[in-house]
Amino acid sequence: NTECLERARKGALSGLWITAERQTGGRGRRGRAWSSEPGNLYASLLLI
């Protein structure tokens, strides 16, 4: 999610998917930590 927002600030267009094998700072709703070990799907979509 953070990666997508950073791309948006740099002018990325709508429709960009970012996936990762692992997240070191994954988070859930209300700021809850989200453990993100390899083997799961972590994906974020940027819409403008």
All heavy atoms as atom14 arrays in JSON, in Angstrom:
{
  "sequence": "NTECLERARKGALSGLWITAERQTGGRGRRGRAWSSEPGNLYASLLLI",
  "atom14_mask": [
    [1, 1, 1, 1, 1, 1, 1, 1, 0, 0, 0, 0, 0, 0],
    [1, 1, 1, 1, 1, 1, 1, 0, 0, 0, 0, 0, 0, 0],
    [1, 1, 1, 1, 1, 1, 1, 1, 1, 0, 0, 0, 0, 0],
    [1, 1, 1, 1, 1, 1, 0, 0, 0, 0, 0, 0, 0, 0],
    [1, 1, 1, 1, 1, 1, 1, 1, 0, 0, 0, 0, 0, 0],
    [1, 1, 1, 1, 1, 1, 1, 1, 1, 0, 0, 0, 0, 0],
    [1, 1, 1, 1, 1, 1, 1, 1, 1, 1, 1, 0, 0, 0],
    [1, 1, 1, 1, 1, 0, 0, 0, 0, 0, 0, 0, 0, 0],
    [1, 1, 1, 1, 1, 1, 1, 1, 1, 1, 1, 0, 0, 0],
    [1, 1, 1, 1, 1, 1, 1, 1, 1, 0, 0, 0, 0, 0],
    [1, 1, 1, 1, 0, 0, 0, 0, 0, 0, 0, 0, 0, 0],
    [1, 1, 1, 1, 1, 0, 0, 0, 0, 0, 0, 0, 0, 0],
    [1, 1, 1, 1, 1, 1, 1, 1, 0, 0, 0, 0, 0, 0],
    [1, 1, 1, 1, 1, 1, 0, 0, 0, 0, 0, 0, 0, 0],
    [1, 1, 1, 1, 0, 0, 0, 0, 0, 0, 0, 0, 0, 0],
    [1, 1, 1, 1, 1, 1, 1, 1, 0, 0, 0, 0, 0, 0],
    [1, 1, 1, 1, 1, 1, 1, 1, 1, 1, 1, 1, 1, 1],
    [1, 1, 1, 1, 1, 1, 1, 1, 0, 0, 0, 0, 0, 0],
    [1, 1, 1, 1, 1, 1, 1, 0, 0, 0, 0, 0, 0, 0],
    [1, 1, 1, 1, 1, 0, 0, 0, 0, 0, 0, 0, 0, 0],
    [1, 1, 1, 1, 1, 1, 1, 1, 1, 0, 0, 0, 0, 0],
    [1, 1, 1, 1, 1, 1, 1, 1, 1, 1, 1, 0, 0, 0],
    [1, 1, 1, 1, 1, 1, 1, 1, 1, 0, 0, 0, 0, 0],
    [1, 1, 1, 1, 1, 1, 1, 0, 0, 0, 0, 0, 0, 0],
    [1, 1, 1, 1, 0, 0, 0, 0, 0, 0, 0, 0, 0, 0],
    [1, 1, 1, 1, 0, 0, 0, 0, 0, 0, 0, 0, 0, 0],
    [1, 1, 1, 1, 1, 1, 1, 1, 1, 1, 1, 0, 0, 0],
    [1, 1, 1, 1, 0, 0, 0, 0, 0, 0, 0, 0, 0, 0],
    [1, 1, 1, 1, 1, 1, 1, 1, 1, 1, 1, 0, 0, 0],
    [1, 1, 1, 1, 1, 1, 1, 1, 1, 1, 1, 0, 0, 0],
    [1, 1, 1, 1, 0, 0, 0, 0, 0, 0, 0, 0, 0, 0],
    [1, 1, 1, 1, 1, 1, 1, 1, 1, 1, 1, 0, 0, 0],
    [1, 1, 1, 1, 1, 0, 0, 0, 0, 0, 0, 0, 0, 0],
    [1, 1, 1, 1, 1, 1, 1, 1, 1, 1, 1, 1, 1, 1],
    [1, 1, 1, 1, 1, 1, 0, 0, 0, 0, 0, 0, 0, 0],
    [1, 1, 1, 1, 1, 1, 0, 0, 0, 0, 0, 0, 0, 0],
    [1, 1, 1, 1, 1, 1, 1, 1, 1, 0, 0, 0, 0, 0],
    [1, 1, 1, 1, 1, 1, 1, 0, 0, 0, 0, 0, 0, 0],
    [1, 1, 1, 1, 0, 0, 0, 0, 0, 0, 0, 0, 0, 0],
    [1, 1, 1, 1, 1, 1, 1, 1, 0, 0, 0, 0, 0, 0],
    [1, 1, 1, 1, 1, 1, 1, 1, 0, 0, 0, 0, 0, 0],
    [1, 1, 1, 1, 1, 1, 1, 1, 1, 1, 1, 1, 0, 0],
    [1, 1, 1, 1, 1, 0, 0, 0, 0, 0, 0, 0, 0, 0],
    [1, 1, 1, 1, 1, 1, 0, 0, 0, 0, 0, 0, 0, 0],
    [1, 1, 1, 1, 1, 1, 1, 1, 0, 0, 0, 0, 0, 0],
    [1, 1, 1, 1, 1, 1, 1, 1, 0, 0, 0, 0, 0, 0],
    [1, 1, 1, 1, 1, 1, 1, 1, 0, 0, 0, 0, 0, 0],
    [1, 1, 1, 1, 1, 1, 1, 1, 0, 0, 0, 0, 0, 0]
  ],
  "atom14_positions": [
    [[0.83, -1.21, 0.0], [0.0, 0.0, 0.0], [0.86, 1.25, 0.0], [0.63, 2.19, -0.77], [-0.91, 0.02, 1.23], [-2.26, -0.61, 0.97], [-2.4, -1.48, 0.12], [-3.27, -0.19, 1.71], [0.0, 0.0, 0.0], [0.0, 0.0, 0.0], [0.0, 0.0, 0.0], [0.0, 0.0, 0.0], [0.0, 0.0, 0.0], [0.0, 0.0, 0.0]],
    [[1.88, 1.28, 0.87], [2.78, 2.43, 0.93], [3.5, 2.63, -0.39], [3.66, 3.75, -0.87], [3.79, 2.25, 2.07], [3.08, 2.16, 3.31], [4.76, 3.4, 2.13], [0.0, 0.0, 0.0], [0.0, 0.0, 0.0], [0.0, 0.0, 0.0], [0.0, 0.0, 0.0], [0.0, 0.0, 0.0], [0.0, 0.0, 0.0], [0.0, 0.0, 0.0]],
    [[3.92, 1.53, -1.01], [4.6, 1.61, -2.3], [3.7, 2.24, -3.35], [4.13, 3.1, -4.13], [5.04, 0.22, -2.73], [5.93, 0.18, -3.96], [7.34, 0.67, -3.69], [7.78, 0.67, -2.53], [8.01, 1.06, -4.68], [0.0, 0.0, 0.0], [0.0, 0.0, 0.0], [0.0, 0.0, 0.0], [0.0, 0.0, 0.0], [0.0, 0.0, 0.0]],
    [[2.42, 1.84, -3.38], [1.49, 2.43, -4.34], [1.29, 3.92, -4.1], [1.24, 4.72, -5.04], [0.14, 1.71, -4.27], [0.06, 0.19, -5.24], [0.0, 0.0, 0.0], [0.0, 0.0, 0.0], [0.0, 0.0, 0.0], [0.0, 0.0, 0.0], [0.0, 0.0, 0.0], [0.0, 0.0, 0.0], [0.0, 0.0, 0.0], [0.0, 0.0, 0.0]],
    [[1.15, 4.32, -2.85], [0.96, 5.74, -2.54], [2.19, 6.55, -2.93], [2.06, 7.68, -3.44], [0.64, 5.92, -1.06], [-0.76, 5.48, -0.62], [-0.89, 5.51, 0.89], [-1.83, 6.37, -1.26], [0.0, 0.0, 0.0], [0.0, 0.0, 0.0], [0.0, 0.0, 0.0], [0.0, 0.0, 0.0], [0.0, 0.0, 0.0], [0.0, 0.0, 0.0]],
    [[3.36, 6.0, -2.72], [4.58, 6.7, -3.13], [4.63, 6.85, -4.64], [5.03, 7.91, -5.17], [5.8, 5.95, -2.61], [5.96, 6.04, -1.1], [7.13, 5.22, -0.59], [7.74, 4.47, -1.39], [7.44, 5.33, 0.62], [0.0, 0.0, 0.0], [0.0, 0.0, 0.0], [0.0, 0.0, 0.0], [0.0, 0.0, 0.0], [0.0, 0.0, 0.0]],
    [[4.21, 5.83, -5.36], [4.18, 5.92, -6.83], [3.16, 6.98, -7.26], [3.4, 7.72, -8.23], [3.81, 4.57, -7.44], [4.74, 3.44, -7.09], [6.14, 3.62, -7.66], [6.97, 2.47, -7.34], [7.11, 1.41, -8.11], [6.48, 1.34, -9.28], [7.9, 0.41, -7.76], [0.0, 0.0, 0.0], [0.0, 0.0, 0.0], [0.0, 0.0, 0.0]],
    [[2.02, 7.04, -6.56], [1.0, 8.04, -6.91], [1.55, 9.45, -6.75], [1.29, 10.33, -7.59], [-0.23, 7.85, -6.03], [0.0, 0.0, 0.0], [0.0, 0.0, 0.0], [0.0, 0.0, 0.0], [0.0, 0.0, 0.0], [0.0, 0.0, 0.0], [0.0, 0.0, 0.0], [0.0, 0.0, 0.0], [0.0, 0.0, 0.0], [0.0, 0.0, 0.0]],
    [[2.3, 9.7, -5.68], [2.87, 11.04, -5.46], [3.86, 11.41, -6.55], [4.1, 12.59, -6.8], [3.55, 11.07, -4.09], [2.59, 10.86, -2.92], [3.32, 10.88, -1.58], [2.48, 10.3, -0.54], [2.8, 9.25, 0.19], [3.97, 8.63, -0.01], [1.98, 8.8, 1.12], [0.0, 0.0, 0.0], [0.0, 0.0, 0.0], [0.0, 0.0, 0.0]],
    [[4.44, 10.39, -7.19], [5.39, 10.64, -8.28], [4.72, 10.66, -9.65], [5.41, 10.72, -10.67], [6.48, 9.57, -8.24], [7.33, 9.61, -6.97], [8.33, 8.46, -6.94], [9.15, 8.47, -5.65], [10.09, 7.32, -5.58], [0.0, 0.0, 0.0], [0.0, 0.0, 0.0], [0.0, 0.0, 0.0], [0.0, 0.0, 0.0], [0.0, 0.0, 0.0]],
    [[3.38, 10.57, -9.67], [2.67, 10.71, -10.94], [2.19, 9.42, -11.56], [1.75, 9.44, -12.73], [0.0, 0.0, 0.0], [0.0, 0.0, 0.0], [0.0, 0.0, 0.0], [0.0, 0.0, 0.0], [0.0, 0.0, 0.0], [0.0, 0.0, 0.0], [0.0, 0.0, 0.0], [0.0, 0.0, 0.0], [0.0, 0.0, 0.0], [0.0, 0.0, 0.0]],
    [[2.25, 8.3, -10.86], [1.78, 7.03, -11.44], [0.31, 7.13, -11.82], [-0.49, 7.79, -11.15], [1.99, 5.88, -10.46], [0.0, 0.0, 0.0], [0.0, 0.0, 0.0], [0.0, 0.0, 0.0], [0.0, 0.0, 0.0], [0.0, 0.0, 0.0], [0.0, 0.0, 0.0], [0.0, 0.0, 0.0], [0.0, 0.0, 0.0], [0.0, 0.0, 0.0]],
    [[-0.04, 6.47, -12.9], [-1.42, 6.48, -13.38], [-2.26, 5.42, -12.69], [-1.74, 4.48, -12.09], [-1.43, 6.25, -14.9], [-0.68, 7.27, -15.75], [-0.74, 6.88, -17.22], [-1.22, 8.67, -15.54], [0.0, 0.0, 0.0], [0.0, 0.0, 0.0], [0.0, 0.0, 0.0], [0.0, 0.0, 0.0], [0.0, 0.0, 0.0], [0.0, 0.0, 0.0]],
    [[-3.55, 5.58, -12.8], [-4.49, 4.62, -12.22], [-4.31, 3.25, -12.85], [-3.98, 3.12, -14.04], [-5.92, 5.12, -12.44], [-6.85, 4.37, -11.7], [0.0, 0.0, 0.0], [0.0, 0.0, 0.0], [0.0, 0.0, 0.0], [0.0, 0.0, 0.0], [0.0, 0.0, 0.0], [0.0, 0.0, 0.0], [0.0, 0.0, 0.0], [0.0, 0.0, 0.0]],
    [[-4.52, 2.21, -12.05], [-4.48, 0.85, -12.57], [-3.2, 0.1, -12.29], [-3.01, -1.01, -12.8], [0.0, 0.0, 0.0], [0.0, 0.0, 0.0], [0.0, 0.0, 0.0], [0.0, 0.0, 0.0], [0.0, 0.0, 0.0], [0.0, 0.0, 0.0], [0.0, 0.0, 0.0], [0.0, 0.0, 0.0], [0.0, 0.0, 0.0], [0.0, 0.0, 0.0]],
    [[-2.31, 0.66, -11.45], [-1.04, 0.0, -11.15], [-1.21, -0.99, -10.0], [-1.63, -0.62, -8.9], [0.01, 1.05, -10.76], [1.35, 0.49, -10.24], [2.06, -0.31, -11.34], [2.24, 1.61, -9.71], [0.0, 0.0, 0.0], [0.0, 0.0, 0.0], [0.0, 0.0, 0.0], [0.0, 0.0, 0.0], [0.0, 0.0, 0.0], [0.0, 0.0, 0.0]],
    [[-0.89, -2.25, -10.26], [-0.81, -3.28, -9.23], [0.64, -3.43, -8.77], [1.55, -3.51, -9.61], [-1.26, -4.63, -9.77], [-2.73, -4.9, -9.81], [-3.54, -4.85, -10.91], [-3.55, -5.33, -8.73], [-4.83, -5.2, -10.57], [-4.87, -5.5, -9.24], [-3.32, -5.58, -7.37], [-5.93, -5.92, -8.43], [-4.37, -5.99, -6.57], [-5.66, -6.16, -7.1]],
    [[0.83, -3.49, -7.46], [2.13, -3.83, -6.89], [1.95, -5.1, -6.06], [1.07, -5.16, -5.19], [2.67, -2.71, -5.97], [2.92, -1.42, -6.75], [3.93, -3.16, -5.24], [4.16, -1.44, -7.62], [0.0, 0.0, 0.0], [0.0, 0.0, 0.0], [0.0, 0.0, 0.0], [0.0, 0.0, 0.0], [0.0, 0.0, 0.0], [0.0, 0.0, 0.0]],
    [[2.75, -6.12, -6.34], [2.77, -7.31, -5.49], [4.16, -7.47, -4.9], [5.15, -6.95, -5.43], [2.39, -8.59, -6.27], [3.34, -8.78, -7.34], [0.99, -8.49, -6.84], [0.0, 0.0, 0.0], [0.0, 0.0, 0.0], [0.0, 0.0, 0.0], [0.0, 0.0, 0.0], [0.0, 0.0, 0.0], [0.0, 0.0, 0.0], [0.0, 0.0, 0.0]],
    [[4.23, -8.2, -3.79], [5.51, -8.44, -3.13], [5.52, -9.85, -2.57], [4.47, -10.39, -2.19], [5.75, -7.43, -2.02], [0.0, 0.0, 0.0], [0.0, 0.0, 0.0], [0.0, 0.0, 0.0], [0.0, 0.0, 0.0], [0.0, 0.0, 0.0], [0.0, 0.0, 0.0], [0.0, 0.0, 0.0], [0.0, 0.0, 0.0], [0.0, 0.0, 0.0]],
    [[6.72, -10.44, -2.51], [6.85, -11.75, -1.9], [6.75, -11.65, -0.38], [6.24, -12.57, 0.28], [8.2, -12.38, -2.28], [8.31, -12.71, -3.76], [9.64, -13.33, -4.11], [10.4, -13.71, -3.17], [9.96, -13.42, -5.31], [0.0, 0.0, 0.0], [0.0, 0.0, 0.0], [0.0, 0.0, 0.0], [0.0, 0.0, 0.0], [0.0, 0.0, 0.0]],
    [[7.19, -10.51, 0.16], [7.15, -10.32, 1.62], [7.02, -8.84, 1.93], [7.56, -8.0, 1.21], [8.43, -10.89, 2.26], [8.44, -10.86, 3.78], [9.63, -11.65, 4.31], [10.87, -10.91, 4.08], [11.48, -10.19, 5.03], [10.98, -10.12, 6.25], [12.61, -9.56, 4.76], [0.0, 0.0, 0.0], [0.0, 0.0, 0.0], [0.0, 0.0, 0.0]],
    [[6.28, -8.53, 2.99], [6.19, -7.16, 3.49], [6.86, -7.11, 4.86], [6.61, -7.95, 5.71], [4.73, -6.73, 3.66], [3.95, -6.66, 2.36], [2.52, -6.18, 2.61], [2.1, -5.18, 2.05], [1.78, -6.91, 3.45], [0.0, 0.0, 0.0], [0.0, 0.0, 0.0], [0.0, 0.0, 0.0], [0.0, 0.0, 0.0], [0.0, 0.0, 0.0]],
    [[7.69, -6.1, 5.05], [8.34, -5.94, 6.36], [7.55, -5.01, 7.28], [7.81, -4.97, 8.48], [9.76, -5.39, 6.19], [9.7, -4.13, 5.48], [10.62, -6.38, 5.41], [0.0, 0.0, 0.0], [0.0, 0.0, 0.0], [0.0, 0.0, 0.0], [0.0, 0.0, 0.0], [0.0, 0.0, 0.0], [0.0, 0.0, 0.0], [0.0, 0.0, 0.0]],
    [[6.58, -4.29, 6.7], [5.78, -3.37, 7.51], [4.31, -3.45, 7.15], [3.63, -2.42, 7.1], [0.0, 0.0, 0.0], [0.0, 0.0, 0.0], [0.0, 0.0, 0.0], [0.0, 0.0, 0.0], [0.0, 0.0, 0.0], [0.0, 0.0, 0.0], [0.0, 0.0, 0.0], [0.0, 0.0, 0.0], [0.0, 0.0, 0.0], [0.0, 0.0, 0.0]],
    [[3.81, -4.66, 6.9], [2.41, -4.82, 6.55], [1.49, -4.37, 7.68], [1.84, -4.46, 8.86], [0.0, 0.0, 0.0], [0.0, 0.0, 0.0], [0.0, 0.0, 0.0], [0.0, 0.0, 0.0], [0.0, 0.0, 0.0], [0.0, 0.0, 0.0], [0.0, 0.0, 0.0], [0.0, 0.0, 0.0], [0.0, 0.0, 0.0], [0.0, 0.0, 0.0]],
    [[0.32, -3.88, 7.32], [-0.6, -3.39, 8.34], [-2.03, -3.7, 7.91], [-2.33, -3.88, 6.73], [-0.44, -1.89, 8.57], [-0.68, -1.03, 7.32], [-0.31, 0.42, 7.57], [-0.59, 1.24, 6.4], [0.23, 1.41, 5.39], [1.4, 0.79, 5.39], [-0.1, 2.19, 4.36], [0.0, 0.0, 0.0], [0.0, 0.0, 0.0], [0.0, 0.0, 0.0]],
    [[-2.9, -3.76, 8.91], [-4.31, -3.99, 8.67], [-5.12, -2.77, 9.07], [-4.58, -1.67, 9.24], [0.0, 0.0, 0.0], [0.0, 0.0, 0.0], [0.0, 0.0, 0.0], [0.0, 0.0, 0.0], [0.0, 0.0, 0.0], [0.0, 0.0, 0.0], [0.0, 0.0, 0.0], [0.0, 0.0, 0.0], [0.0, 0.0, 0.0], [0.0, 0.0, 0.0]],
    [[-6.42, -2.97, 9.21], [-7.28, -1.87, 9.6], [-6.92, -1.35, 10.99], [-6.48, -2.08, 11.85], [-8.76, -2.3, 9.56], [-9.29, -2.52, 8.16], [-10.81, -2.53, 8.14], [-11.39, -3.59, 8.94], [-11.66, -4.79, 8.48], [-11.39, -5.1, 7.24], [-12.21, -5.71, 9.27], [0.0, 0.0, 0.0], [0.0, 0.0, 0.0], [0.0, 0.0, 0.0]],
    [[-7.17, -0.05, 11.18], [-6.93, 0.63, 12.46], [-5.48, 0.5, 12.91], [-5.18, 0.48, 14.11], [-7.88, 0.1, 13.54], [-9.35, 0.28, 13.16], [-10.28, -0.1, 14.28], [-11.68, 0.04, 13.86], [-12.72, -0.17, 14.67], [-12.52, -0.51, 15.92], [-13.96, -0.03, 14.21], [0.0, 0.0, 0.0], [0.0, 0.0, 0.0], [0.0, 0.0, 0.0]],
    [[-4.56, 0.41, 11.93], [-3.14, 0.39, 12.24], [-2.62, -0.91, 12.81], [-1.47, -0.98, 13.26], [0.0, 0.0, 0.0], [0.0, 0.0, 0.0], [0.0, 0.0, 0.0], [0.0, 0.0, 0.0], [0.0, 0.0, 0.0], [0.0, 0.0, 0.0], [0.0, 0.0, 0.0], [0.0, 0.0, 0.0], [0.0, 0.0, 0.0], [0.0, 0.0, 0.0]],
    [[-3.42, -1.98, 12.77], [-2.96, -3.26, 13.32], [-1.85, -3.84, 12.44], [-1.89, -3.76, 11.23], [-4.12, -4.25, 13.41], [-5.25, -3.8, 14.33], [-6.45, -4.73, 14.2], [-7.55, -4.27, 15.04], [-8.81, -4.2, 14.64], [-9.14, -4.57, 13.42], [-9.76, -3.77, 15.46], [0.0, 0.0, 0.0], [0.0, 0.0, 0.0], [0.0, 0.0, 0.0]],
    [[-0.86, -4.44, 13.09], [0.22, -5.08, 12.34], [-0.32, -6.28, 11.58], [-1.22, -6.98, 12.05], [1.33, -5.51, 13.28], [0.0, 0.0, 0.0], [0.0, 0.0, 0.0], [0.0, 0.0, 0.0], [0.0, 0.0, 0.0], [0.0, 0.0, 0.0], [0.0, 0.0, 0.0], [0.0, 0.0, 0.0], [0.0, 0.0, 0.0], [0.0, 0.0, 0.0]],
    [[0.23, -6.51, 10.39], [-0.17, -7.66, 9.57], [1.1, -8.4, 9.19], [1.89, -7.93, 8.37], [-0.92, -7.18, 8.32], [-1.43, -8.31, 7.47], [-0.77, -8.91, 6.43], [-2.68, -8.98, 7.58], [-1.54, -9.91, 5.89], [-2.72, -9.98, 6.58], [-3.79, -8.84, 8.42], [-3.81, -10.82, 6.4], [-4.87, -9.67, 8.25], [-4.87, -10.65, 7.24]],
    [[1.31, -9.56, 9.79], [2.5, -10.35, 9.51], [2.48, -10.82, 8.07], [1.45, -11.28, 7.58], [2.56, -11.55, 10.46], [3.74, -12.29, 10.23], [0.0, 0.0, 0.0], [0.0, 0.0, 0.0], [0.0, 0.0, 0.0], [0.0, 0.0, 0.0], [0.0, 0.0, 0.0], [0.0, 0.0, 0.0], [0.0, 0.0, 0.0], [0.0, 0.0, 0.0]],
    [[3.61, -10.68, 7.37], [3.62, -10.88, 5.92], [4.79, -11.75, 5.49], [5.77, -11.27, 4.92], [3.68, -9.53, 5.2], [2.65, -8.67, 5.64], [0.0, 0.0, 0.0], [0.0, 0.0, 0.0], [0.0, 0.0, 0.0], [0.0, 0.0, 0.0], [0.0, 0.0, 0.0], [0.0, 0.0, 0.0], [0.0, 0.0, 0.0], [0.0, 0.0, 0.0]],
    [[4.71, -13.03, 5.8], [5.78, -13.96, 5.45], [5.63, -14.44, 4.01], [4.53, -14.43, 3.44], [5.76, -15.14, 6.41], [6.07, -14.76, 7.85], [7.43, -14.12, 8.0], [8.4, -14.62, 7.38], [7.53, -13.12, 8.73], [0.0, 0.0, 0.0], [0.0, 0.0, 0.0], [0.0, 0.0, 0.0], [0.0, 0.0, 0.0], [0.0, 0.0, 0.0]],
    [[6.73, -14.91, 3.39], [6.66, -15.44, 2.02], [5.7, -16.62, 1.92], [5.52, -17.38, 2.87], [8.11, -15.86, 1.74], [8.93, -15.04, 2.67], [8.11, -14.88, 3.91], [0.0, 0.0, 0.0], [0.0, 0.0, 0.0], [0.0, 0.0, 0.0], [0.0, 0.0, 0.0], [0.0, 0.0, 0.0], [0.0, 0.0, 0.0], [0.0, 0.0, 0.0]],
    [[5.09, -16.77, 0.74], [4.16, -17.86, 0.49], [2.73, -17.41, 0.4], [1.88, -18.16, -0.1], [0.0, 0.0, 0.0], [0.0, 0.0, 0.0], [0.0, 0.0, 0.0], [0.0, 0.0, 0.0], [0.0, 0.0, 0.0], [0.0, 0.0, 0.0], [0.0, 0.0, 0.0], [0.0, 0.0, 0.0], [0.0, 0.0, 0.0], [0.0, 0.0, 0.0]],
    [[2.44, -16.2, 0.86], [1.1, -15.63, 0.74], [1.08, -14.6, -0.38], [2.12, -14.24, -0.93], [0.68, -14.96, 2.06], [0.47, -15.96, 3.18], [0.41, -17.17, 2.94], [0.38, -15.46, 4.39], [0.0, 0.0, 0.0], [0.0, 0.0, 0.0], [0.0, 0.0, 0.0], [0.0, 0.0, 0.0], [0.0, 0.0, 0.0], [0.0, 0.0, 0.0]],
    [[-0.12, -14.11, -0.7], [-0.24, -13.07, -1.72], [-0.42, -11.72, -1.04], [-1.32, -11.54, -0.21], [-1.44, -13.34, -2.63], [-1.73, -12.25, -3.68], [-0.54, -12.08, -4.62], [-2.99, -12.59, -4.49], [0.0, 0.0, 0.0], [0.0, 0.0, 0.0], [0.0, 0.0, 0.0], [0.0, 0.0, 0.0], [0.0, 0.0, 0.0], [0.0, 0.0, 0.0]],
    [[0.45, -10.79, -1.38], [0.36, -9.41, -0.91], [0.28, -8.52, -2.14], [1.23, -8.46, -2.94], [1.58, -9.04, -0.06], [1.87, -10.09, 1.0], [2.99, -10.9, 0.91], [0.99, -10.28, 2.07], [3.25, -11.88, 1.87], [1.24, -11.25, 3.03], [2.37, -12.05, 2.93], [2.61, -13.02, 3.87], [0.0, 0.0, 0.0], [0.0, 0.0, 0.0]],
    [[-0.84, -7.87, -2.33], [-1.08, -7.13, -3.57], [-1.83, -5.84, -3.27], [-2.76, -5.83, -2.45], [-1.88, -7.98, -4.56], [0.0, 0.0, 0.0], [0.0, 0.0, 0.0], [0.0, 0.0, 0.0], [0.0, 0.0, 0.0], [0.0, 0.0, 0.0], [0.0, 0.0, 0.0], [0.0, 0.0, 0.0], [0.0, 0.0, 0.0], [0.0, 0.0, 0.0]],
    [[-1.45, -4.77, -3.94], [-2.15, -3.48, -3.8], [-2.39, -2.89, -5.17], [-1.53, -2.97, -6.06], [-1.33, -2.5, -2.95], [-1.22, -2.95, -1.61], [0.0, 0.0, 0.0], [0.0, 0.0, 0.0], [0.0, 0.0, 0.0], [0.0, 0.0, 0.0], [0.0, 0.0, 0.0], [0.0, 0.0, 0.0], [0.0, 0.0, 0.0], [0.0, 0.0, 0.0]],
    [[-3.55, -2.28, -5.32], [-3.95, -1.66, -6.58], [-4.14, -0.16, -6.36], [-4.88, 0.26, -5.46], [-5.25, -2.28, -7.09], [-5.91, -1.6, -8.29], [-5.01, -1.65, -9.53], [-7.27, -2.23, -8.6], [0.0, 0.0, 0.0], [0.0, 0.0, 0.0], [0.0, 0.0, 0.0], [0.0, 0.0, 0.0], [0.0, 0.0, 0.0], [0.0, 0.0, 0.0]],
    [[-3.49, 0.64, -7.19], [-3.63, 2.09, -7.15], [-4.71, 2.53, -8.12], [-4.68, 2.19, -9.3], [-2.3, 2.75, -7.53], [-2.34, 4.28, -7.75], [-2.69, 5.01, -6.46], [-1.02, 4.77, -8.32], [0.0, 0.0, 0.0], [0.0, 0.0, 0.0], [0.0, 0.0, 0.0], [0.0, 0.0, 0.0], [0.0, 0.0, 0.0], [0.0, 0.0, 0.0]],
    [[-5.67, 3.3, -7.61], [-6.69, 3.94, -8.43], [-6.61, 5.44, -8.23], [-6.44, 5.91, -7.1], [-8.09, 3.44, -8.06], [-8.35, 1.93, -8.2], [-9.74, 1.6, -7.7], [-8.18, 1.48, -9.65], [0.0, 0.0, 0.0], [0.0, 0.0, 0.0], [0.0, 0.0, 0.0], [0.0, 0.0, 0.0], [0.0, 0.0, 0.0], [0.0, 0.0, 0.0]],
    [[-6.73, 6.19, -9.29], [-6.73, 7.65, -9.21], [-8.12, 8.15, -9.57], [-8.66, 7.83, -10.62], [-5.69, 8.27, -10.18], [-4.29, 7.72, -9.9], [-5.72, 9.8, -10.07], [-3.73, 8.09, -8.55], [0.0, 0.0, 0.0], [0.0, 0.0, 0.0], [0.0, 0.0, 0.0], [0.0, 0.0, 0.0], [0.0, 0.0, 0.0], [0.0, 0.0, 0.0]]
  ]
}
